[in-house]
Protein backbone atom coordinates (compact mmCIF):
# COMPACT_ATOMS: atom_id res chain seq x y z
CA UNK A 1 13.68 1.50 11.95
CA UNK A 2 10.49 -0.60 11.40
CA UNK A 3 8.67 -4.02 10.47
CA UNK A 4 6.67 -3.95 8.02
CA UNK A 5 3.24 -7.14 7.58
CA UNK A 6 1.70 -7.03 4.92
CA UNK A 7 -2.60 -8.64 4.93
CA UNK A 8 -6.10 -8.37 2.53
CA UNK A 9 -4.42 -10.05 -0.89
CA UNK A 10 -6.96 -12.12 -2.08
CA UNK A 11 -8.81 -12.88 -4.88
CA UNK A 12 -11.28 -10.36 -6.47
CA UNK A 13 -14.12 -10.12 -9.33
CA UNK A 14 -13.18 -7.56 -11.35
CA UNK A 15 -15.62 -4.16 -9.91
CA UNK A 16 -15.29 -5.98 -6.48
CA UNK A 17 -13.29 -4.31 -3.29
CA UNK A 18 -10.17 -4.96 -1.14
CA UNK A 19 -8.32 -3.58 1.78
CA UNK A 20 -4.57 -4.43 2.29
CA UNK A 21 -3.02 -3.76 6.02
CA UNK A 22 0.09 -2.97 6.07
CA UNK A 23 1.10 -3.55 10.45
CA UNK A 24 4.30 -2.14 11.37
CA UNK A 25 6.47 -2.62 14.44
CA UNK A 26 6.46 0.36 15.69
CA UNK A 27 4.92 3.89 15.38
CA UNK A 28 4.58 5.31 12.07
CA UNK A 29 3.11 7.89 12.50
CA UNK A 30 5.86 10.81 12.85
CA UNK A 31 8.54 10.80 10.47
CA UNK A 32 8.07 7.77 7.92
CA UNK A 33 6.43 8.36 4.43
CA UNK A 34 4.15 5.57 3.74
CA UNK A 35 3.91 4.21 0.47
CA UNK A 36 1.40 1.25 -1.37
CA UNK A 37 3.63 -0.57 -4.85
CA UNK A 38 2.37 -3.03 -7.12
CA UNK A 39 4.57 -5.41 -9.22
CA UNK A 40 3.50 -7.85 -12.27
CA UNK A 41 6.73 -10.31 -13.12
CA UNK A 42 9.25 -8.34 -15.64
CA UNK A 43 8.14 -5.28 -15.07
CA UNK A 44 9.82 -3.07 -12.18
CA UNK A 45 7.25 -2.37 -8.75
CA UNK A 46 5.70 0.99 -9.24
CA UNK A 47 4.18 3.19 -6.65
CA UNK A 48 0.52 3.45 -6.17
CA UNK A 49 -0.52 6.00 -3.23
CA UNK A 50 2.13 7.73 -0.53
CA UNK A 51 0.97 9.17 2.72
CA UNK A 52 2.99 11.65 4.61
CA UNK A 53 3.31 12.46 8.43
CA UNK A 54 1.16 15.63 7.83
CA UNK A 55 -1.62 13.42 6.31
CA UNK A 56 -1.12 14.42 2.10
CA UNK A 57 -1.72 12.20 -0.34
CA UNK A 58 -0.51 10.71 -3.53
CA UNK A 59 -1.91 8.34 -6.75
CA UNK A 60 -1.12 7.04 -8.98
CA UNK A 61 -3.50 7.96 -12.70
CA UNK A 62 -4.67 4.79 -13.10
CA UNK A 63 -5.72 4.30 -9.65
CA UNK A 64 -7.44 7.83 -8.61
CA UNK A 65 -10.48 7.52 -7.12
CA UNK A 66 -10.77 3.79 -7.00
CA UNK A 67 -8.06 3.71 -3.88
CA UNK A 68 -7.38 5.52 -0.88
CA UNK A 69 -4.81 4.79 1.45
CA UNK A 70 -5.61 6.43 5.28
CA UNK A 71 -3.46 5.45 8.46
CA UNK A 72 -4.86 4.33 11.82
CA UNK A 73 -5.47 6.42 14.96
CA UNK A 74 -2.71 4.64 16.97
CA UNK A 75 -0.32 5.46 13.98
CA UNK A 76 0.62 2.00 13.09
CA UNK A 77 -0.93 0.21 10.29
CA UNK A 78 -1.24 1.84 6.84
CA UNK A 79 -4.17 0.16 4.53
CA UNK A 80 -5.24 0.66 1.02
CA UNK A 81 -8.50 0.65 0.46
CA UNK A 82 -9.08 -0.75 -3.27
CA UNK A 83 -12.54 -0.67 -5.30
CA UNK A 84 -13.47 -0.63 -8.76
CA UNK A 85 -11.08 -3.39 -9.27
CA UNK A 86 -9.57 -4.17 -12.65
CA UNK A 87 -7.78 -6.92 -14.01
CA UNK A 88 -5.36 -4.56 -14.63
CA UNK A 89 -4.32 -4.21 -10.86
CA UNK A 90 -3.66 -8.13 -9.88
CA UNK A 91 -0.52 -7.69 -9.06
CA UNK A 92 2.00 -8.66 -5.60
CA UNK A 93 1.35 -5.33 -3.78
CA UNK A 94 3.93 -4.13 -1.40
CA UNK A 95 4.25 -1.81 2.03
CA UNK A 96 7.17 0.57 2.09
CA UNK A 97 8.17 2.78 5.31
CA UNK A 98 10.61 6.03 4.59
CA UNK A 99 12.32 7.41 7.83
CA UNK A 100 12.20 11.32 6.93
CA UNK A 101 15.19 11.26 9.17
CA UNK A 102 17.44 8.30 8.53
CA UNK A 103 16.38 8.39 4.99
CA UNK A 104 16.18 4.68 5.49
CA UNK A 105 13.43 2.62 3.98
CA UNK A 106 12.01 -0.83 4.61
CA UNK A 107 10.13 -3.57 3.20
CA UNK A 108 7.14 -5.67 3.91
CA UNK A 109 6.99 -9.52 2.59
CA UNK A 110 3.96 -8.05 0.02
CA UNK A 111 0.50 -9.70 -1.03
CA UNK A 112 -0.69 -10.85 -3.93
CA UNK A 113 -4.16 -9.20 -5.65
CA UNK A 114 -5.60 -10.85 -7.94
CA UNK A 115 -8.23 -9.67 -10.08
CA UNK A 116 -10.77 -12.32 -12.02
CA UNK A 117 -13.62 -13.09 -13.30
C-alpha cells in the first residue's frame, strides 16, 4: 500500500495551465495503475486520465488533447499537465493508485482546481 498526496491546484484563468502532482510514499511504477479523477458537488467522481505500469494512457473525451498524465523516472510521482483550461474543468482533483496484484486501491486527499476569470 502507498499513501498519496496531491499538490498543484489553484485558481487559473480560462485558457491557462496548471500541473498537478501526486507524490506516493513508495514506488508506483511497477504494479500500480495510476489515475487522476475529479469531482464536483452533487456529481460522481469521474476518471480524467489513467496510466498503466507499461506506460499506456487513457483520457476522458472532455480532456483529450488538453491534459497529459505522466510519471517521473524515479517512479514515485505522477503528474497531470492541464492546458487550455476551461471553466468546466473546475473540480476537486484526486489521485488514485490501484495495485494490479492485490487489487488494493487508495486515494489522495484531493486538490481544488478553479478555472475562472
